[in-house]
Protein backbone atom coordinates (compact mmCIF):
# COMPACT_ATOMS: atom_id res chain seq x y z
CA MET A 1 0.41 1.77 -4.22
CA CYS A 2 1.69 0.78 -7.82
CA HIS A 3 4.74 -1.22 -7.86
CA GLN A 4 6.23 -0.11 -11.00
CA SER A 5 5.59 3.57 -9.62
CA VAL A 6 7.09 2.72 -5.98
CA SER A 7 10.07 1.28 -7.81
CA LEU A 8 11.10 3.94 -10.08
CA VAL A 9 10.48 6.40 -7.03
CA ALA A 10 13.33 3.92 -5.35
CA ARG A 11 15.55 4.12 -8.29
CA HIS A 12 15.49 8.11 -8.16
CA LEU A 13 15.92 8.40 -4.77
CA GLU A 14 18.89 5.78 -4.93
CA ALA A 15 20.39 7.79 -7.67
CA ALA A 16 20.22 11.15 -5.04
CA GLY A 17 21.89 8.89 -2.26
CA ILE A 18 19.14 8.10 -0.21
CA PRO A 19 19.36 4.53 0.67
CA THR A 20 15.94 2.58 -0.07
CA VAL A 21 14.12 -1.05 0.32
CA VAL A 22 10.97 -1.56 -1.78
CA VAL A 23 8.43 -4.11 0.42
CA GLY A 24 6.27 -6.05 -2.49
CA SER A 25 4.38 -8.83 -3.80
CA ALA A 26 4.95 -8.26 -7.58
CA ARG A 27 8.28 -9.91 -7.53
CA ASP A 28 8.36 -9.75 -11.49
CA ILE A 29 7.52 -6.16 -11.92
CA VAL A 30 9.98 -4.75 -8.83
CA GLU A 31 12.98 -7.02 -10.44
CA THR A 32 12.66 -5.35 -13.95
CA CYS A 33 12.55 -2.62 -12.75
CA GLY A 34 15.57 -2.97 -10.68
CA VAL A 35 15.63 -1.62 -7.64
CA PRO A 36 18.85 -1.90 -5.38
CA ARG A 37 17.16 -3.97 -2.42
CA PHE A 38 13.89 -5.75 -2.36
CA LEU A 39 11.87 -7.63 0.31
CA PHE A 40 9.41 -9.76 -1.49
CA VAL A 41 6.35 -10.82 0.38
CA ASP A 42 4.45 -13.73 -1.13
CA TYR A 43 1.05 -12.13 -0.22
CA PRO A 44 -2.11 -11.46 -2.34
CA LEU A 45 -1.56 -7.63 -3.56
CA GLY A 46 -2.00 -5.24 -1.18
CA ASN A 47 -1.05 -6.88 1.89
CA PRO A 48 2.94 -6.87 1.50
CA CYS A 49 3.32 -5.21 4.71
CA GLY A 50 1.62 -8.20 6.34
CA ARG A 51 -2.11 -9.04 7.11
CA PRO A 52 -4.38 -6.51 8.49
CA TRP A 53 -4.53 -6.34 12.20
CA ALA A 54 -1.37 -8.61 12.88
CA PRO A 55 1.02 -6.12 14.22
CA ALA A 56 3.48 -8.50 15.44
CA GLU A 57 3.42 -10.14 11.63
CA GLN A 58 3.58 -6.49 10.18
CA LYS A 59 6.33 -5.59 12.76
CA GLY A 60 8.40 -8.66 11.84
CA LEU A 61 8.44 -7.53 8.21
CA PHE A 62 9.88 -4.15 9.07
CA ALA A 63 12.48 -5.51 10.76
CA GLN A 64 13.59 -7.83 7.45
CA ALA A 65 13.41 -4.59 5.78
CA LEU A 66 15.80 -3.04 7.96
CA ARG A 67 17.88 -5.79 7.78
CA LEU A 68 18.38 -6.07 4.25
CA LEU A 69 18.88 -2.19 4.20
CA GLU A 70 21.81 -2.85 6.32
CA ARG A 71 22.98 -6.42 5.15
CA ALA A 72 22.53 -5.78 0.96
CA TYR A 73 25.93 -5.21 0.03
CA GLY A 74 25.35 -6.02 -3.72
CA PRO A 75 23.36 -4.09 -6.42
CA ARG A 76 19.60 -5.50 -6.82
CA THR A 77 19.31 -7.74 -4.12
CA THR A 78 16.30 -9.66 -3.51
CA VAL A 79 15.11 -11.33 -0.52
CA GLN A 80 12.06 -13.15 0.03
CA ALA A 81 10.45 -13.32 3.31
CA PRO A 82 9.40 -16.57 4.81
CA GLU A 83 6.14 -15.60 6.01
CA ARG A 84 3.34 -17.55 4.36
CA TRP A 85 -0.30 -16.52 3.77
CA VAL A 86 -2.92 -19.55 4.77
CA GLU A 87 -6.27 -18.94 4.31
CA ASP A 88 -7.49 -22.22 5.92
CA PRO A 89 -4.81 -23.22 8.36
CA ALA A 90 -6.65 -26.44 9.03
CA ALA A 91 -5.79 -27.19 5.37
CA ASP A 92 -2.82 -25.14 4.79
CA ARG A 93 -4.15 -24.14 1.89
CA HIS A 94 -2.28 -21.10 -0.12
CA TRP A 95 -3.79 -18.08 -1.13
CA ARG A 96 -2.46 -18.45 -4.66
CA GLU A 97 -5.07 -21.73 -4.84
CA ASN A 98 -8.19 -19.53 -4.62
CA PHE A 99 -6.62 -16.33 -6.46
CA MET A 100 -9.05 -15.34 -9.46
CA ALA A 101 -10.67 -18.58 -8.90
CA ILE A 102 -14.28 -18.56 -10.36
CA ARG A 103 -16.69 -20.73 -8.62
CA ASP A 104 -19.89 -20.07 -10.58
CA ARG A 105 -19.94 -18.99 -14.12
CA LYS A 106 -23.32 -18.63 -14.41
CA ALA A 107 -23.69 -15.99 -12.23
CA LEU A 108 -20.70 -14.14 -13.64
CA ALA A 109 -21.79 -14.60 -17.00
CA GLU A 110 -25.05 -13.17 -16.04
CA ALA A 111 -23.99 -10.36 -13.92
CA GLY A 112 -21.61 -9.51 -17.07
CA ALA A 113 -24.49 -9.57 -19.41
CA ALA A 114 -26.24 -7.10 -17.14
CA ARG A 115 -23.31 -4.69 -16.96
CA ARG A 116 -23.42 -5.18 -20.65
CA ALA A 117 -27.22 -4.28 -20.99
CA ALA A 118 -27.01 -1.39 -18.41
CA GLN A 119 -23.72 -0.04 -20.51
CA ALA A 120 -25.89 -0.18 -23.82
CA THR A 121 -28.62 2.04 -22.26
CA GLY A 122 -26.44 4.31 -20.17
CA GLU A 123 -27.64 3.07 -17.08
CA LYS A 124 -25.57 2.40 -13.79
CA PRO A 125 -25.59 -1.21 -13.18
CA VAL A 126 -26.57 -2.78 -10.23
CA ARG A 127 -24.00 -4.10 -8.04
């Protein structure tokens, strides 16, 4: 779900007296929206509650969110979760090293040209 939408809903709920914690991966957006409590998880977008099929990690993040709800006494409190998304444990490679990486510019350029050609003729692009 959109970080900005969640943040604005959280602010609305807080104004109505309902405490909230936003758990997300887009720190700049959520902090700009000014939510009261924010658990920042430095994971790729779409995974703020943990890795798929990792229930222990997901439960741990949920527990951190509940602790933040219980212990945050000041407004606009941000806590960073200590978990780290490591793609290659042997190399300790962090996900940001590969995020939006372009490995094959030629193939990407060819795919873009094919897409533009298909759009020009009204055809659906082949994927």
